[in-house]
Amino acid sequence: MRAFLRDSAATEAAGAALGKVLPVEDRVIYLQGDLGAGKTTLVRGLLQALGHPGRVPSPTYTLVEPYELGAYSFRHLDLYRLADPEELAYLGIRDMSGILLIEWPEKGTRFLPPPDLVCRLAVADGGRSLDTEASTTPGMDLQRAWEAANHKAGL
């Protein structure tokens, strides 16, 4: 899937569309992109669409922010400040279940579960570009449903 997101509101709307089609099952979603590309903004839209009423901070300093929203269990990880991928073992990455939303996954090589879906965000033409790539059959199903939801939302 490829989309142009004209601003932060469109990035949040794309995240909300993902939240509306996300199954209540374990999924791993990698979020890639430079600083300021919109990774946390996408997650904010997703979580708020599922009923999270508060702020959605970047977990840059905490590394992991947990969210429990009804039947959904999320772990939002930001690995930007990770000094060594082995630190993920101390965080209990192998015991984490639910939906994992992982920013900067390249910093956790060899310790992260493989992704169902990879979202690449980049600053482009005054907005953001979003490219997705499914890596598993459930990821392909999710990508197709998200693409249809984005189309319906006019993104």
N, C-alpha and C. Protein backbone atom coordinates (compact mmCIF):
# COMPACT_ATOMS: atom_id res chain seq x y z
N MET A 1 0.84 -1.16 0.00
CA MET A 1 0.00 0.00 0.00
C MET A 1 0.89 1.23 0.00
N ARG A 2 0.50 2.21 -0.73
CA ARG A 2 1.21 3.49 -0.77
C ARG A 2 0.18 4.60 -0.62
N ALA A 3 0.48 5.57 0.27
CA ALA A 3 -0.43 6.69 0.48
C ALA A 3 0.36 7.96 0.72
N PHE A 4 -0.22 9.08 0.32
CA PHE A 4 0.34 10.38 0.64
C PHE A 4 -0.52 10.97 1.75
N LEU A 5 0.12 11.37 2.82
CA LEU A 5 -0.57 11.94 3.98
C LEU A 5 -0.20 13.41 4.06
N ARG A 6 -1.12 14.29 3.78
CA ARG A 6 -0.81 15.71 3.61
C ARG A 6 -0.37 16.42 4.89
N ASP A 7 -0.78 15.88 6.08
CA ASP A 7 -0.42 16.54 7.33
C ASP A 7 -0.58 15.56 8.49
N SER A 8 -0.38 16.07 9.71
CA SER A 8 -0.51 15.21 10.90
C SER A 8 -1.91 14.65 11.05
N ALA A 9 -2.92 15.45 10.71
CA ALA A 9 -4.30 14.98 10.81
C ALA A 9 -4.54 13.78 9.87
N ALA A 10 -3.98 13.84 8.68
CA ALA A 10 -4.12 12.72 7.74
C ALA A 10 -3.36 11.50 8.23
N THR A 11 -2.21 11.73 8.89
CA THR A 11 -1.44 10.61 9.45
C THR A 11 -2.22 9.95 10.57
N GLU A 12 -2.84 10.77 11.43
CA GLU A 12 -3.69 10.21 12.49
C GLU A 12 -4.89 9.47 11.90
N ALA A 13 -5.47 10.01 10.83
CA ALA A 13 -6.61 9.36 10.19
C ALA A 13 -6.21 8.00 9.61
N ALA A 14 -5.00 7.92 9.05
CA ALA A 14 -4.52 6.63 8.53
C ALA A 14 -4.35 5.64 9.68
N GLY A 15 -3.83 6.12 10.81
CA GLY A 15 -3.71 5.26 11.99
C GLY A 15 -5.07 4.81 12.50
N ALA A 16 -6.04 5.72 12.49
CA ALA A 16 -7.40 5.38 12.91
C ALA A 16 -8.00 4.31 12.00
N ALA A 17 -7.76 4.44 10.69
CA ALA A 17 -8.26 3.44 9.75
C ALA A 17 -7.65 2.08 10.04
N LEU A 18 -6.37 2.06 10.41
CA LEU A 18 -5.72 0.80 10.78
C LEU A 18 -6.37 0.23 12.04
N GLY A 19 -6.61 1.09 13.02
CA GLY A 19 -7.24 0.63 14.26
C GLY A 19 -8.59 0.00 14.03
N LYS A 20 -9.34 0.50 13.05
CA LYS A 20 -10.68 -0.01 12.79
C LYS A 20 -10.68 -1.38 12.14
N VAL A 21 -9.55 -1.78 11.53
CA VAL A 21 -9.50 -3.09 10.87
C VAL A 21 -8.57 -4.07 11.58
N LEU A 22 -7.95 -3.63 12.64
CA LEU A 22 -6.98 -4.47 13.36
C LEU A 22 -7.69 -5.58 14.12
N PRO A 23 -7.33 -6.83 13.88
CA PRO A 23 -7.97 -7.92 14.62
C PRO A 23 -7.47 -7.94 16.06
N VAL A 24 -8.28 -8.48 16.95
CA VAL A 24 -7.89 -8.61 18.36
C VAL A 24 -7.07 -9.89 18.49
N GLU A 25 -5.89 -9.88 17.92
CA GLU A 25 -4.97 -11.01 17.95
C GLU A 25 -3.56 -10.47 18.00
N ASP A 26 -2.63 -11.32 18.35
CA ASP A 26 -1.24 -10.90 18.36
C ASP A 26 -0.82 -10.50 16.95
N ARG A 27 -0.24 -9.32 16.84
CA ARG A 27 0.30 -8.83 15.58
C ARG A 27 1.56 -8.04 15.90
N VAL A 28 2.49 -8.02 14.95
CA VAL A 28 3.72 -7.24 15.09
C VAL A 28 3.78 -6.28 13.91
N ILE A 29 3.85 -4.99 14.24
CA ILE A 29 3.90 -3.96 13.21
C ILE A 29 5.16 -3.14 13.44
N TYR A 30 6.02 -3.12 12.44
CA TYR A 30 7.23 -2.30 12.48
C TYR A 30 6.90 -0.93 11.89
N LEU A 31 7.42 0.11 12.54
CA LEU A 31 7.24 1.48 12.09
C LEU A 31 8.62 2.06 11.80
N GLN A 32 8.89 2.31 10.54
CA GLN A 32 10.20 2.81 10.14
C GLN A 32 10.10 4.22 9.58
N GLY A 33 11.16 4.98 9.77
CA GLY A 33 11.21 6.34 9.24
C GLY A 33 12.10 7.20 10.09
N ASP A 34 12.57 8.28 9.51
CA ASP A 34 13.45 9.20 10.23
C ASP A 34 12.70 9.89 11.36
N LEU A 35 13.45 10.61 12.19
CA LEU A 35 12.85 11.43 13.23
C LEU A 35 11.86 12.40 12.59
N GLY A 36 10.68 12.50 13.17
CA GLY A 36 9.68 13.43 12.66
C GLY A 36 8.88 12.94 11.47
N ALA A 37 9.05 11.67 11.10
CA ALA A 37 8.35 11.14 9.93
C ALA A 37 6.88 10.82 10.21
N GLY A 38 6.50 10.71 11.49
CA GLY A 38 5.10 10.47 11.81
C GLY A 38 4.78 9.12 12.42
N LYS A 39 5.78 8.41 12.89
CA LYS A 39 5.55 7.08 13.45
C LYS A 39 4.62 7.14 14.67
N THR A 40 4.94 7.99 15.63
CA THR A 40 4.11 8.10 16.82
C THR A 40 2.76 8.72 16.48
N THR A 41 2.70 9.61 15.52
CA THR A 41 1.44 10.21 15.10
C THR A 41 0.50 9.14 14.56
N LEU A 42 1.03 8.21 13.78
CA LEU A 42 0.23 7.10 13.26
C LEU A 42 -0.31 6.25 14.41
N VAL A 43 0.55 5.95 15.39
CA VAL A 43 0.14 5.15 16.55
C VAL A 43 -0.93 5.90 17.34
N ARG A 44 -0.76 7.21 17.51
CA ARG A 44 -1.75 8.02 18.24
C ARG A 44 -3.13 7.88 17.59
N GLY A 45 -3.19 7.99 16.27
CA GLY A 45 -4.47 7.85 15.59
C GLY A 45 -5.08 6.48 15.80
N LEU A 46 -4.26 5.45 15.75
CA LEU A 46 -4.72 4.08 15.96
C LEU A 46 -5.31 3.92 17.36
N LEU A 47 -4.55 4.33 18.39
CA LEU A 47 -4.99 4.14 19.77
C LEU A 47 -6.22 4.98 20.09
N GLN A 48 -6.26 6.20 19.60
CA GLN A 48 -7.42 7.05 19.87
C GLN A 48 -8.68 6.52 19.18
N ALA A 49 -8.51 5.92 18.00
CA ALA A 49 -9.66 5.33 17.30
C ALA A 49 -10.24 4.16 18.09
N LEU A 50 -9.41 3.51 18.89
CA LEU A 50 -9.87 2.38 19.69
C LEU A 50 -10.29 2.79 21.10
N GLY A 51 -10.33 4.11 21.35
CA GLY A 51 -10.88 4.59 22.61
C GLY A 51 -9.90 5.12 23.63
N HIS A 52 -8.61 5.20 23.30
CA HIS A 52 -7.66 5.76 24.28
C HIS A 52 -7.90 7.26 24.40
N PRO A 53 -8.24 7.73 25.61
CA PRO A 53 -8.61 9.14 25.76
C PRO A 53 -7.45 10.09 26.02
N GLY A 54 -6.31 9.56 26.40
CA GLY A 54 -5.21 10.42 26.83
C GLY A 54 -4.16 10.66 25.77
N ARG A 55 -3.06 11.21 26.25
CA ARG A 55 -1.91 11.46 25.37
C ARG A 55 -1.31 10.14 24.92
N VAL A 56 -0.62 10.20 23.81
CA VAL A 56 0.14 9.06 23.31
C VAL A 56 1.56 9.58 23.07
N PRO A 57 2.37 9.53 24.13
CA PRO A 57 3.74 10.04 23.98
C PRO A 57 4.62 9.05 23.25
N SER A 58 5.66 9.56 22.67
CA SER A 58 6.67 8.68 22.09
C SER A 58 7.37 7.98 23.24
N PRO A 59 7.54 6.67 23.17
CA PRO A 59 8.23 5.97 24.25
C PRO A 59 9.75 6.02 24.11
N THR A 60 10.26 7.14 23.62
CA THR A 60 11.70 7.27 23.39
C THR A 60 12.50 7.04 24.66
N TYR A 61 12.02 7.53 25.79
CA TYR A 61 12.78 7.40 27.04
C TYR A 61 12.33 6.21 27.87
N THR A 62 11.07 5.84 27.78
CA THR A 62 10.58 4.70 28.55
C THR A 62 10.80 3.38 27.81
N LEU A 63 11.04 3.44 26.53
CA LEU A 63 11.20 2.31 25.61
C LEU A 63 9.91 1.57 25.32
N VAL A 64 9.04 1.41 26.32
CA VAL A 64 7.78 0.69 26.11
C VAL A 64 6.64 1.43 26.81
N GLU A 65 5.56 1.64 26.10
CA GLU A 65 4.33 2.19 26.68
C GLU A 65 3.23 1.15 26.47
N PRO A 66 2.66 0.62 27.56
CA PRO A 66 1.56 -0.35 27.42
C PRO A 66 0.20 0.35 27.38
N TYR A 67 -0.71 -0.23 26.63
CA TYR A 67 -2.08 0.27 26.54
C TYR A 67 -3.02 -0.93 26.56
N GLU A 68 -4.05 -0.85 27.39
CA GLU A 68 -5.09 -1.88 27.42
C GLU A 68 -6.38 -1.18 27.03
N LEU A 69 -6.93 -1.55 25.89
CA LEU A 69 -8.14 -0.91 25.38
C LEU A 69 -9.17 -1.98 25.06
N GLY A 70 -10.05 -2.21 25.99
CA GLY A 70 -11.05 -3.26 25.80
C GLY A 70 -10.36 -4.61 25.64
N ALA A 71 -10.63 -5.27 24.54
CA ALA A 71 -10.03 -6.58 24.28
C ALA A 71 -8.60 -6.48 23.74
N TYR A 72 -8.17 -5.25 23.42
CA TYR A 72 -6.85 -5.04 22.82
C TYR A 72 -5.78 -4.82 23.88
N SER A 73 -4.64 -5.43 23.65
CA SER A 73 -3.46 -5.20 24.48
C SER A 73 -2.34 -4.75 23.55
N PHE A 74 -1.83 -3.55 23.79
CA PHE A 74 -0.79 -2.96 22.94
C PHE A 74 0.49 -2.76 23.73
N ARG A 75 1.60 -2.88 23.03
CA ARG A 75 2.90 -2.45 23.54
C ARG A 75 3.50 -1.58 22.44
N HIS A 76 3.67 -0.29 22.74
CA HIS A 76 4.28 0.65 21.79
C HIS A 76 5.73 0.80 22.21
N LEU A 77 6.63 0.34 21.36
CA LEU A 77 8.06 0.37 21.66
C LEU A 77 8.76 1.37 20.75
N ASP A 78 9.74 2.08 21.31
CA ASP A 78 10.60 2.97 20.55
C ASP A 78 12.03 2.59 20.89
N LEU A 79 12.72 2.03 19.92
CA LEU A 79 14.06 1.49 20.16
C LEU A 79 15.17 2.45 19.78
N TYR A 80 14.83 3.71 19.52
CA TYR A 80 15.81 4.70 19.05
C TYR A 80 17.01 4.79 20.00
N ARG A 81 16.78 4.79 21.28
CA ARG A 81 17.86 4.97 22.25
C ARG A 81 18.47 3.64 22.73
N LEU A 82 18.06 2.55 22.14
CA LEU A 82 18.60 1.25 22.52
C LEU A 82 20.08 1.19 22.18
N ALA A 83 20.91 0.90 23.18
CA ALA A 83 22.35 0.85 22.96
C ALA A 83 22.78 -0.49 22.39
N ASP A 84 22.08 -1.55 22.76
CA ASP A 84 22.44 -2.90 22.33
C ASP A 84 21.16 -3.70 22.18
N PRO A 85 20.98 -4.42 21.08
CA PRO A 85 19.76 -5.21 20.91
C PRO A 85 19.49 -6.19 22.04
N GLU A 86 20.53 -6.64 22.73
CA GLU A 86 20.34 -7.58 23.84
C GLU A 86 19.52 -6.99 24.98
N GLU A 87 19.43 -5.65 25.03
CA GLU A 87 18.61 -5.00 26.06
C GLU A 87 17.15 -5.42 25.94
N LEU A 88 16.74 -5.83 24.75
CA LEU A 88 15.36 -6.27 24.55
C LEU A 88 15.05 -7.51 25.39
N ALA A 89 16.03 -8.34 25.62
CA ALA A 89 15.82 -9.51 26.47
C ALA A 89 15.46 -9.07 27.88
N TYR A 90 16.11 -8.02 28.38
CA TYR A 90 15.82 -7.51 29.72
C TYR A 90 14.46 -6.85 29.79
N LEU A 91 13.99 -6.33 28.66
CA LEU A 91 12.65 -5.73 28.62
C LEU A 91 11.56 -6.79 28.56
N GLY A 92 11.95 -8.04 28.31
CA GLY A 92 10.99 -9.13 28.23
C GLY A 92 10.28 -9.22 26.90
N ILE A 93 10.96 -8.86 25.83
CA ILE A 93 10.34 -8.84 24.50
C ILE A 93 9.76 -10.20 24.12
N ARG A 94 10.40 -11.27 24.52
CA ARG A 94 9.90 -12.61 24.14
C ARG A 94 8.61 -12.98 24.87
N ASP A 95 8.34 -12.30 25.98
CA ASP A 95 7.12 -12.58 26.74
C ASP A 95 5.98 -11.62 26.42
N MET A 96 6.25 -10.62 25.58
CA MET A 96 5.21 -9.64 25.24
C MET A 96 4.22 -10.26 24.27
N SER A 97 2.96 -10.04 24.55
CA SER A 97 1.92 -10.52 23.66
C SER A 97 1.01 -9.36 23.32
N GLY A 98 0.05 -9.62 22.48
CA GLY A 98 -0.85 -8.57 22.03
C GLY A 98 -0.34 -7.97 20.74
N ILE A 99 -0.60 -6.71 20.57
CA ILE A 99 -0.19 -6.02 19.35
C ILE A 99 1.04 -5.19 19.68
N LEU A 100 2.14 -5.51 19.00
CA LEU A 100 3.40 -4.79 19.21
C LEU A 100 3.57 -3.78 18.09
N LEU A 101 3.72 -2.53 18.46
CA LEU A 101 3.95 -1.43 17.52
C LEU A 101 5.37 -0.96 17.79
N ILE A 102 6.30 -1.26 16.88
CA ILE A 102 7.72 -1.09 17.16
C ILE A 102 8.36 -0.04 16.25
N GLU A 103 8.75 1.08 16.87
CA GLU A 103 9.49 2.12 16.15
C GLU A 103 10.97 1.79 16.20
N TRP A 104 11.68 2.10 15.13
CA TRP A 104 13.12 1.84 15.00
C TRP A 104 13.44 0.35 15.18
N PRO A 105 12.73 -0.55 14.50
CA PRO A 105 12.98 -1.99 14.68
C PRO A 105 14.38 -2.43 14.26
N GLU A 106 15.01 -1.66 13.38
CA GLU A 106 16.36 -2.05 12.95
C GLU A 106 17.35 -2.04 14.11
N LYS A 107 17.02 -1.37 15.21
CA LYS A 107 17.89 -1.35 16.39
C LYS A 107 17.76 -2.63 17.22
N GLY A 108 16.75 -3.44 16.92
CA GLY A 108 16.52 -4.66 17.69
C GLY A 108 16.76 -5.93 16.92
N THR A 109 17.55 -5.85 15.88
CA THR A 109 17.82 -7.01 15.02
C THR A 109 18.17 -8.23 15.85
N ARG A 110 17.65 -9.36 15.45
CA ARG A 110 17.88 -10.68 16.04
C ARG A 110 17.08 -10.92 17.33
N PHE A 111 16.52 -9.89 17.94
CA PHE A 111 15.79 -10.07 19.18
C PHE A 111 14.30 -9.81 19.05
N LEU A 112 13.90 -9.20 17.94
CA LEU A 112 12.49 -8.89 17.75
C LEU A 112 11.78 -10.02 17.02
N PRO A 113 10.49 -10.19 17.31
CA PRO A 113 9.72 -11.13 16.49
C PRO A 113 9.59 -10.56 15.08
N PRO A 114 9.43 -11.41 14.09
CA PRO A 114 9.28 -10.91 12.72
C PRO A 114 7.97 -10.13 12.58
N PRO A 115 7.95 -9.15 11.68
CA PRO A 115 6.75 -8.34 11.54
C PRO A 115 5.68 -9.01 10.68
N ASP A 116 4.44 -8.69 11.00
CA ASP A 116 3.34 -9.03 10.11
C ASP A 116 3.22 -7.95 9.05
N LEU A 117 3.51 -6.71 9.47
CA LEU A 117 3.37 -5.56 8.58
C LEU A 117 4.48 -4.56 8.89
N VAL A 118 5.07 -4.00 7.84
CA VAL A 118 6.08 -2.96 7.98
C VAL A 118 5.50 -1.68 7.39
N CYS A 119 5.52 -0.61 8.19
CA CYS A 119 5.05 0.71 7.73
C CYS A 119 6.26 1.63 7.64
N ARG A 120 6.49 2.15 6.46
CA ARG A 120 7.61 3.09 6.25
C ARG A 120 7.03 4.47 6.00
N LEU A 121 7.40 5.40 6.87
CA LEU A 121 6.95 6.78 6.75
C LEU A 121 8.12 7.66 6.40
N ALA A 122 7.88 8.67 5.57
CA ALA A 122 8.93 9.61 5.18
C ALA A 122 8.30 10.97 4.92
N VAL A 123 9.04 12.01 5.25
CA VAL A 123 8.62 13.37 4.92
C VAL A 123 8.76 13.52 3.41
N ALA A 124 7.68 14.01 2.77
CA ALA A 124 7.68 14.11 1.30
C ALA A 124 6.70 15.15 0.82
N ASP A 125 7.13 16.03 -0.04
CA ASP A 125 6.25 17.00 -0.71
C ASP A 125 5.35 17.77 0.24
N GLY A 126 5.89 18.23 1.35
CA GLY A 126 5.11 19.01 2.31
C GLY A 126 4.21 18.17 3.20
N GLY A 127 4.25 16.86 3.07
CA GLY A 127 3.45 15.96 3.89
C GLY A 127 4.29 14.75 4.24
N ARG A 128 3.65 13.60 4.19
CA ARG A 128 4.34 12.35 4.49
C ARG A 128 3.92 11.29 3.49
N SER A 129 4.85 10.42 3.19
CA SER A 129 4.49 9.24 2.40
C SER A 129 4.44 8.05 3.35
N LEU A 130 3.53 7.16 3.07
CA LEU A 130 3.37 5.93 3.84
C LEU A 130 3.40 4.77 2.87
N ASP A 131 4.33 3.86 3.07
CA ASP A 131 4.41 2.63 2.29
C ASP A 131 4.33 1.47 3.25
N THR A 132 3.55 0.47 2.91
CA THR A 132 3.44 -0.70 3.77
C THR A 132 3.84 -1.95 2.99
N GLU A 133 4.33 -2.91 3.75
CA GLU A 133 4.72 -4.19 3.16
C GLU A 133 4.33 -5.29 4.14
N ALA A 134 3.52 -6.22 3.66
CA ALA A 134 3.11 -7.35 4.48
C ALA A 134 4.17 -8.45 4.42
N SER A 135 4.41 -9.07 5.56
CA SER A 135 5.43 -10.12 5.63
C SER A 135 4.85 -11.50 5.94
N THR A 136 3.58 -11.55 6.31
CA THR A 136 2.93 -12.81 6.66
C THR A 136 1.54 -12.82 6.04
N THR A 137 0.90 -13.96 6.05
CA THR A 137 -0.47 -14.04 5.54
C THR A 137 -1.42 -13.17 6.36
N PRO A 138 -1.35 -13.20 7.72
CA PRO A 138 -2.19 -12.27 8.47
C PRO A 138 -1.85 -10.81 8.16
N GLY A 139 -0.58 -10.53 7.91
CA GLY A 139 -0.17 -9.18 7.53
C GLY A 139 -0.76 -8.76 6.20
N MET A 140 -0.83 -9.68 5.24
CA MET A 140 -1.44 -9.38 3.94
C MET A 140 -2.93 -9.09 4.09
N ASP A 141 -3.59 -9.87 4.94
CA ASP A 141 -5.02 -9.63 5.19
C ASP A 141 -5.22 -8.26 5.83
N LEU A 142 -4.36 -7.93 6.79
CA LEU A 142 -4.44 -6.64 7.46
C LEU A 142 -4.17 -5.50 6.49
N GLN A 143 -3.17 -5.66 5.64
CA GLN A 143 -2.83 -4.62 4.67
C GLN A 143 -3.98 -4.37 3.70
N ARG A 144 -4.61 -5.43 3.21
CA ARG A 144 -5.75 -5.27 2.28
C ARG A 144 -6.91 -4.55 2.96
N ALA A 145 -7.20 -4.95 4.21
CA ALA A 145 -8.31 -4.31 4.93
C ALA A 145 -8.00 -2.85 5.22
N TRP A 146 -6.74 -2.55 5.56
CA TRP A 146 -6.35 -1.17 5.86
C TRP A 146 -6.41 -0.31 4.60
N GLU A 147 -5.95 -0.88 3.49
CA GLU A 147 -6.00 -0.14 2.23
C GLU A 147 -7.45 0.22 1.87
N ALA A 148 -8.35 -0.72 2.06
CA ALA A 148 -9.77 -0.47 1.78
C ALA A 148 -10.33 0.60 2.72
N ALA A 149 -9.94 0.55 4.00
CA ALA A 149 -10.39 1.54 4.98
C ALA A 149 -9.83 2.93 4.65
N ASN A 150 -8.57 2.98 4.22
CA ASN A 150 -7.97 4.26 3.83
C ASN A 150 -8.68 4.84 2.61
N HIS A 151 -8.99 3.96 1.66
CA HIS A 151 -9.69 4.41 0.44
C HIS A 151 -11.06 4.98 0.80
N LYS A 152 -11.75 4.26 1.68
CA LYS A 152 -13.08 4.69 2.13
C LYS A 152 -12.99 6.03 2.86
N ALA A 153 -11.90 6.26 3.61
CA ALA A 153 -11.71 7.51 4.35
C ALA A 153 -11.18 8.64 3.46
N GLY A 154 -10.90 8.32 2.20
CA GLY A 154 -10.42 9.35 1.27
C GLY A 154 -8.95 9.64 1.40
N LEU A 155 -8.19 8.72 1.93
CA LEU A 155 -6.73 8.91 2.07
C LEU A 155 -5.99 8.32 0.90
